[in-house]
Amino acid sequence: MNTSEKMTKIAIEALEDKKGKDIKIIDIREVTVIADYFILASGSNRNQVQTLADNVRECLGRAGYEPRQTEGYQSAAWILMDYNDIIVHIFSEEDRLFYDLERIWQDGKEISMEDFINQAE
């Protein structure tokens, strides 16, 4: 398992632990050089969105990974956490529908969490 796969697995587990909704992984390695994976998740309210981000940061931090940049934490409508190899997007449900990153990055390959974990092992 390479670094980006390890980070993705940790981030997914952190999101699941705090009941993130509609968690998706988009493999963007063939589309762009900005990262290997996008991880998308939604929270039902501002507090949950921030809690999801806090847990991702804590779990990845314990593994030795710190974000290069975090944007949107205060508003908690769309929190973007840039870890170089992966980018975690945590949305309010409304903002996720509005920005529709799944459609914008449709050239990437969406990977189910089960398939990702199986391929990474």
N, C-alpha and C. Protein backbone atom coordinates (compact mmCIF):
# COMPACT_ATOMS: atom_id res chain seq x y z
N MET A 1 0.85 -1.17 0.00
CA MET A 1 0.00 0.00 0.00
C MET A 1 0.90 1.23 0.00
N ASN A 2 0.68 2.14 -0.96
CA ASN A 2 1.50 3.34 -1.03
C ASN A 2 0.96 4.42 -0.08
N THR A 3 1.67 5.54 0.00
CA THR A 3 1.32 6.60 0.94
C THR A 3 -0.08 7.15 0.71
N SER A 4 -0.44 7.44 -0.53
CA SER A 4 -1.76 8.02 -0.78
C SER A 4 -2.87 7.03 -0.45
N GLU A 5 -2.62 5.76 -0.66
CA GLU A 5 -3.62 4.74 -0.30
C GLU A 5 -3.77 4.64 1.21
N LYS A 6 -2.65 4.69 1.94
CA LYS A 6 -2.70 4.67 3.41
C LYS A 6 -3.48 5.87 3.93
N MET A 7 -3.17 7.04 3.40
CA MET A 7 -3.84 8.25 3.84
C MET A 7 -5.34 8.18 3.53
N THR A 8 -5.68 7.69 2.36
CA THR A 8 -7.09 7.59 1.97
C THR A 8 -7.83 6.65 2.91
N LYS A 9 -7.23 5.52 3.22
CA LYS A 9 -7.85 4.54 4.12
C LYS A 9 -8.08 5.16 5.50
N ILE A 10 -7.10 5.87 6.02
CA ILE A 10 -7.22 6.52 7.32
C ILE A 10 -8.33 7.56 7.29
N ALA A 11 -8.36 8.38 6.23
CA ALA A 11 -9.38 9.43 6.12
C ALA A 11 -10.78 8.83 6.05
N ILE A 12 -10.94 7.77 5.27
CA ILE A 12 -12.25 7.12 5.16
C ILE A 12 -12.71 6.59 6.51
N GLU A 13 -11.81 5.92 7.21
CA GLU A 13 -12.16 5.39 8.53
C GLU A 13 -12.53 6.51 9.49
N ALA A 14 -11.83 7.64 9.41
CA ALA A 14 -12.13 8.78 10.28
C ALA A 14 -13.52 9.35 9.96
N LEU A 15 -13.84 9.42 8.68
CA LEU A 15 -15.16 9.94 8.27
C LEU A 15 -16.26 8.97 8.69
N GLU A 16 -16.04 7.69 8.50
CA GLU A 16 -17.04 6.70 8.89
C GLU A 16 -17.26 6.71 10.40
N ASP A 17 -16.17 6.89 11.15
CA ASP A 17 -16.24 6.89 12.61
C ASP A 17 -17.18 7.97 13.14
N LYS A 18 -17.26 9.09 12.45
CA LYS A 18 -18.11 10.21 12.88
C LYS A 18 -19.38 10.31 12.04
N LYS A 19 -19.74 9.21 11.39
CA LYS A 19 -21.01 9.09 10.65
C LYS A 19 -21.11 10.03 9.46
N GLY A 20 -19.99 10.21 8.73
CA GLY A 20 -20.04 10.98 7.49
C GLY A 20 -20.99 10.30 6.51
N LYS A 21 -21.68 11.10 5.74
CA LYS A 21 -22.67 10.58 4.80
C LYS A 21 -22.11 10.56 3.38
N ASP A 22 -22.56 9.59 2.61
CA ASP A 22 -22.27 9.51 1.18
C ASP A 22 -20.77 9.69 0.88
N ILE A 23 -19.95 8.91 1.55
CA ILE A 23 -18.50 9.00 1.39
C ILE A 23 -18.12 8.40 0.03
N LYS A 24 -17.35 9.16 -0.74
CA LYS A 24 -16.92 8.69 -2.06
C LYS A 24 -15.44 8.93 -2.25
N ILE A 25 -14.84 8.06 -3.03
CA ILE A 25 -13.43 8.17 -3.39
C ILE A 25 -13.37 8.32 -4.90
N ILE A 26 -12.65 9.35 -5.36
CA ILE A 26 -12.45 9.53 -6.80
C ILE A 26 -10.95 9.47 -7.07
N ASP A 27 -10.57 8.51 -7.88
CA ASP A 27 -9.17 8.35 -8.29
C ASP A 27 -8.93 9.34 -9.43
N ILE A 28 -8.09 10.34 -9.18
CA ILE A 28 -7.85 11.39 -10.18
C ILE A 28 -6.43 11.34 -10.73
N ARG A 29 -5.73 10.22 -10.50
CA ARG A 29 -4.34 10.11 -10.93
C ARG A 29 -4.18 10.24 -12.44
N GLU A 30 -5.14 9.77 -13.21
CA GLU A 30 -5.05 9.83 -14.67
C GLU A 30 -5.56 11.16 -15.23
N VAL A 31 -6.11 12.00 -14.38
CA VAL A 31 -6.75 13.23 -14.82
C VAL A 31 -5.93 14.48 -14.53
N THR A 32 -5.21 14.46 -13.41
CA THR A 32 -4.49 15.66 -12.96
C THR A 32 -3.31 15.26 -12.09
N VAL A 33 -2.40 16.19 -11.90
CA VAL A 33 -1.25 15.94 -11.04
C VAL A 33 -1.42 16.56 -9.65
N ILE A 34 -2.56 17.19 -9.38
CA ILE A 34 -2.72 17.88 -8.10
C ILE A 34 -2.83 16.93 -6.91
N ALA A 35 -3.29 15.70 -7.15
CA ALA A 35 -3.42 14.70 -6.08
C ALA A 35 -3.72 13.36 -6.71
N ASP A 36 -3.69 12.32 -5.88
CA ASP A 36 -4.06 10.98 -6.36
C ASP A 36 -5.54 10.70 -6.16
N TYR A 37 -6.07 11.15 -5.02
CA TYR A 37 -7.46 10.85 -4.70
C TYR A 37 -8.18 12.06 -4.13
N PHE A 38 -9.45 12.19 -4.49
CA PHE A 38 -10.38 13.08 -3.82
C PHE A 38 -11.23 12.19 -2.93
N ILE A 39 -11.48 12.62 -1.72
CA ILE A 39 -12.40 11.94 -0.82
C ILE A 39 -13.49 12.95 -0.51
N LEU A 40 -14.73 12.56 -0.75
CA LEU A 40 -15.87 13.44 -0.52
C LEU A 40 -16.77 12.85 0.54
N ALA A 41 -17.30 13.71 1.40
CA ALA A 41 -18.25 13.27 2.42
C ALA A 41 -19.15 14.45 2.77
N SER A 42 -20.29 14.14 3.34
CA SER A 42 -21.23 15.16 3.77
C SER A 42 -21.55 15.01 5.24
N GLY A 43 -21.88 16.15 5.84
CA GLY A 43 -22.39 16.17 7.21
C GLY A 43 -23.75 16.82 7.21
N SER A 44 -24.55 16.49 8.19
CA SER A 44 -25.94 16.98 8.20
C SER A 44 -26.09 18.40 8.76
N ASN A 45 -25.06 18.87 9.47
CA ASN A 45 -25.11 20.24 9.99
C ASN A 45 -23.68 20.75 10.20
N ARG A 46 -23.58 22.03 10.54
CA ARG A 46 -22.27 22.68 10.68
C ARG A 46 -21.38 21.96 11.69
N ASN A 47 -21.94 21.59 12.83
CA ASN A 47 -21.14 20.92 13.86
C ASN A 47 -20.62 19.58 13.37
N GLN A 48 -21.45 18.81 12.65
CA GLN A 48 -20.97 17.52 12.17
C GLN A 48 -19.89 17.70 11.11
N VAL A 49 -20.05 18.67 10.23
CA VAL A 49 -19.03 18.92 9.20
C VAL A 49 -17.69 19.24 9.86
N GLN A 50 -17.71 20.09 10.88
CA GLN A 50 -16.47 20.41 11.59
C GLN A 50 -15.92 19.21 12.35
N THR A 51 -16.79 18.40 12.94
CA THR A 51 -16.36 17.20 13.66
C THR A 51 -15.71 16.21 12.70
N LEU A 52 -16.27 16.06 11.52
CA LEU A 52 -15.67 15.18 10.51
C LEU A 52 -14.26 15.65 10.17
N ALA A 53 -14.13 16.96 9.94
CA ALA A 53 -12.81 17.52 9.61
C ALA A 53 -11.83 17.35 10.77
N ASP A 54 -12.30 17.59 11.98
CA ASP A 54 -11.44 17.43 13.16
C ASP A 54 -10.95 15.99 13.28
N ASN A 55 -11.83 15.03 13.03
CA ASN A 55 -11.44 13.63 13.18
C ASN A 55 -10.46 13.20 12.08
N VAL A 56 -10.69 13.68 10.86
CA VAL A 56 -9.74 13.39 9.78
C VAL A 56 -8.37 13.94 10.14
N ARG A 57 -8.34 15.18 10.59
CA ARG A 57 -7.06 15.81 10.95
C ARG A 57 -6.37 15.05 12.09
N GLU A 58 -7.15 14.67 13.09
CA GLU A 58 -6.57 13.95 14.23
C GLU A 58 -6.04 12.58 13.82
N CYS A 59 -6.82 11.83 13.07
CA CYS A 59 -6.40 10.47 12.68
C CYS A 59 -5.20 10.50 11.74
N LEU A 60 -5.23 11.38 10.75
CA LEU A 60 -4.08 11.49 9.85
C LEU A 60 -2.87 12.04 10.59
N GLY A 61 -3.09 12.95 11.53
CA GLY A 61 -2.00 13.51 12.33
C GLY A 61 -1.31 12.45 13.16
N ARG A 62 -2.10 11.56 13.77
CA ARG A 62 -1.51 10.46 14.56
C ARG A 62 -0.64 9.56 13.70
N ALA A 63 -1.00 9.47 12.40
CA ALA A 63 -0.22 8.64 11.47
C ALA A 63 0.96 9.40 10.88
N GLY A 64 1.11 10.67 11.27
CA GLY A 64 2.26 11.46 10.81
C GLY A 64 2.00 12.33 9.60
N TYR A 65 0.74 12.52 9.24
CA TYR A 65 0.40 13.34 8.07
C TYR A 65 -0.30 14.62 8.53
N GLU A 66 0.22 15.75 8.10
CA GLU A 66 -0.37 17.05 8.42
C GLU A 66 -0.87 17.69 7.13
N PRO A 67 -2.00 18.39 7.20
CA PRO A 67 -2.49 19.04 5.98
C PRO A 67 -1.59 20.18 5.55
N ARG A 68 -1.42 20.30 4.25
CA ARG A 68 -0.68 21.44 3.72
C ARG A 68 -1.52 22.69 3.89
N GLN A 69 -2.83 22.52 3.75
CA GLN A 69 -3.74 23.66 3.84
C GLN A 69 -5.14 23.15 4.17
N THR A 70 -5.88 23.93 4.94
CA THR A 70 -7.28 23.66 5.22
C THR A 70 -8.05 24.94 4.95
N GLU A 71 -9.14 24.82 4.21
CA GLU A 71 -9.97 25.98 3.87
C GLU A 71 -11.41 25.71 4.28
N GLY A 72 -12.11 26.76 4.70
CA GLY A 72 -13.55 26.69 4.92
C GLY A 72 -14.00 26.15 6.27
N TYR A 73 -13.07 25.99 7.20
CA TYR A 73 -13.44 25.39 8.48
C TYR A 73 -14.47 26.24 9.23
N GLN A 74 -14.29 27.54 9.27
CA GLN A 74 -15.19 28.40 10.05
C GLN A 74 -16.63 28.38 9.53
N SER A 75 -16.79 28.45 8.21
CA SER A 75 -18.15 28.45 7.66
C SER A 75 -18.75 27.06 7.66
N ALA A 76 -17.90 26.04 7.53
CA ALA A 76 -18.31 24.63 7.55
C ALA A 76 -19.36 24.29 6.50
N ALA A 77 -19.35 25.04 5.40
CA ALA A 77 -20.23 24.68 4.28
C ALA A 77 -19.48 23.71 3.36
N TRP A 78 -18.19 23.98 3.17
CA TRP A 78 -17.32 23.11 2.38
C TRP A 78 -15.92 23.25 2.96
N ILE A 79 -15.47 22.22 3.63
CA ILE A 79 -14.11 22.21 4.18
C ILE A 79 -13.23 21.41 3.24
N LEU A 80 -12.15 22.03 2.80
CA LEU A 80 -11.19 21.38 1.92
C LEU A 80 -9.90 21.18 2.70
N MET A 81 -9.44 19.94 2.75
CA MET A 81 -8.21 19.60 3.47
C MET A 81 -7.24 19.02 2.47
N ASP A 82 -6.15 19.75 2.21
CA ASP A 82 -5.16 19.36 1.20
C ASP A 82 -3.99 18.67 1.88
N TYR A 83 -3.85 17.38 1.59
CA TYR A 83 -2.75 16.59 2.13
C TYR A 83 -1.76 16.20 1.03
N ASN A 84 -1.65 17.00 0.01
CA ASN A 84 -0.78 16.76 -1.14
C ASN A 84 -1.25 15.57 -1.98
N ASP A 85 -1.13 14.34 -1.46
CA ASP A 85 -1.50 13.15 -2.22
C ASP A 85 -3.00 12.92 -2.25
N ILE A 86 -3.69 13.39 -1.23
CA ILE A 86 -5.15 13.28 -1.19
C ILE A 86 -5.74 14.64 -0.84
N ILE A 87 -6.94 14.87 -1.29
CA ILE A 87 -7.67 16.08 -0.93
C ILE A 87 -9.02 15.64 -0.39
N VAL A 88 -9.32 16.03 0.84
CA VAL A 88 -10.56 15.67 1.50
C VAL A 88 -11.51 16.85 1.40
N HIS A 89 -12.72 16.57 0.88
CA HIS A 89 -13.77 17.59 0.76
C HIS A 89 -14.92 17.16 1.67
N ILE A 90 -15.24 18.00 2.63
CA ILE A 90 -16.35 17.71 3.54
C ILE A 90 -17.37 18.84 3.39
N PHE A 91 -18.57 18.45 3.01
CA PHE A 91 -19.61 19.42 2.66
C PHE A 91 -20.80 19.35 3.60
N SER A 92 -21.52 20.48 3.67
CA SER A 92 -22.90 20.41 4.13
C SER A 92 -23.67 19.74 3.00
N GLU A 93 -24.79 19.13 3.30
CA GLU A 93 -25.53 18.42 2.26
C GLU A 93 -25.95 19.36 1.12
N GLU A 94 -26.37 20.58 1.46
CA GLU A 94 -26.81 21.53 0.44
C GLU A 94 -25.66 21.96 -0.48
N ASP A 95 -24.52 22.25 0.12
CA ASP A 95 -23.39 22.71 -0.68
C ASP A 95 -22.83 21.59 -1.55
N ARG A 96 -22.90 20.37 -1.08
CA ARG A 96 -22.43 19.26 -1.91
C ARG A 96 -23.28 19.14 -3.17
N LEU A 97 -24.58 19.28 -3.03
CA LEU A 97 -25.45 19.25 -4.21
C LEU A 97 -25.16 20.41 -5.15
N PHE A 98 -24.93 21.59 -4.56
CA PHE A 98 -24.69 22.78 -5.37
C PHE A 98 -23.40 22.68 -6.17
N TYR A 99 -22.30 22.29 -5.53
CA TYR A 99 -21.00 22.26 -6.20
C TYR A 99 -20.79 21.01 -7.05
N ASP A 100 -21.42 19.91 -6.72
CA ASP A 100 -21.45 18.69 -7.53
C ASP A 100 -20.08 18.29 -8.08
N LEU A 101 -19.12 18.11 -7.18
CA LEU A 101 -17.76 17.73 -7.60
C LEU A 101 -17.74 16.40 -8.34
N GLU A 102 -18.66 15.51 -8.01
CA GLU A 102 -18.71 14.23 -8.70
C GLU A 102 -18.88 14.43 -10.21
N ARG A 103 -19.72 15.40 -10.59
CA ARG A 103 -19.93 15.69 -12.01
C ARG A 103 -18.72 16.40 -12.61
N ILE A 104 -18.17 17.35 -11.88
CA ILE A 104 -17.03 18.11 -12.39
C ILE A 104 -15.83 17.20 -12.62
N TRP A 105 -15.63 16.23 -11.73
CA TRP A 105 -14.49 15.32 -11.82
C TRP A 105 -14.90 13.95 -12.37
N GLN A 106 -15.89 13.94 -13.24
CA GLN A 106 -16.39 12.67 -13.77
C GLN A 106 -15.35 11.93 -14.63
N ASP A 107 -14.29 12.62 -15.06
CA ASP A 107 -13.22 11.94 -15.79
C ASP A 107 -12.36 11.08 -14.87
N GLY A 108 -12.45 11.34 -13.57
CA GLY A 108 -11.78 10.48 -12.60
C GLY A 108 -12.57 9.19 -12.44
N LYS A 109 -11.99 8.25 -11.76
CA LYS A 109 -12.63 6.95 -11.57
C LYS A 109 -13.17 6.85 -10.15
N GLU A 110 -14.48 6.76 -10.01
CA GLU A 110 -15.06 6.59 -8.68
C GLU A 110 -14.82 5.15 -8.23
N ILE A 111 -14.34 5.01 -7.01
CA ILE A 111 -14.03 3.70 -6.45
C ILE A 111 -14.87 3.51 -5.19
N SER A 112 -15.56 2.38 -5.11
CA SER A 112 -16.32 2.11 -3.88
C SER A 112 -15.34 1.90 -2.74
N MET A 113 -15.80 2.16 -1.53
CA MET A 113 -14.92 2.00 -0.37
C MET A 113 -14.49 0.55 -0.23
N GLU A 114 -15.39 -0.38 -0.49
CA GLU A 114 -15.05 -1.80 -0.39
C GLU A 114 -13.97 -2.16 -1.40
N ASP A 115 -14.15 -1.73 -2.65
CA ASP A 115 -13.15 -2.02 -3.68
C ASP A 115 -11.80 -1.38 -3.35
N PHE A 116 -11.85 -0.15 -2.82
CA PHE A 116 -10.60 0.52 -2.49
C PHE A 116 -9.85 -0.24 -1.40
N ILE A 117 -10.56 -0.62 -0.36
CA ILE A 117 -9.91 -1.32 0.75
C ILE A 117 -9.38 -2.67 0.28
N ASN A 118 -10.13 -3.37 -0.57
CA ASN A 118 -9.67 -4.65 -1.10
C ASN A 118 -8.44 -4.51 -1.98
N GLN A 119 -8.40 -3.48 -2.84
CA GLN A 119 -7.25 -3.30 -3.73
C GLN A 119 -6.04 -2.81 -2.98
N ALA A 120 -6.24 -2.08 -1.89
CA ALA A 120 -5.13 -1.51 -1.14
C ALA A 120 -4.45 -2.56 -0.24
N GLU A 121 -5.15 -3.62 0.07
CA GLU A 121 -4.57 -4.64 0.97
C GLU A 121 -3.63 -5.56 0.26
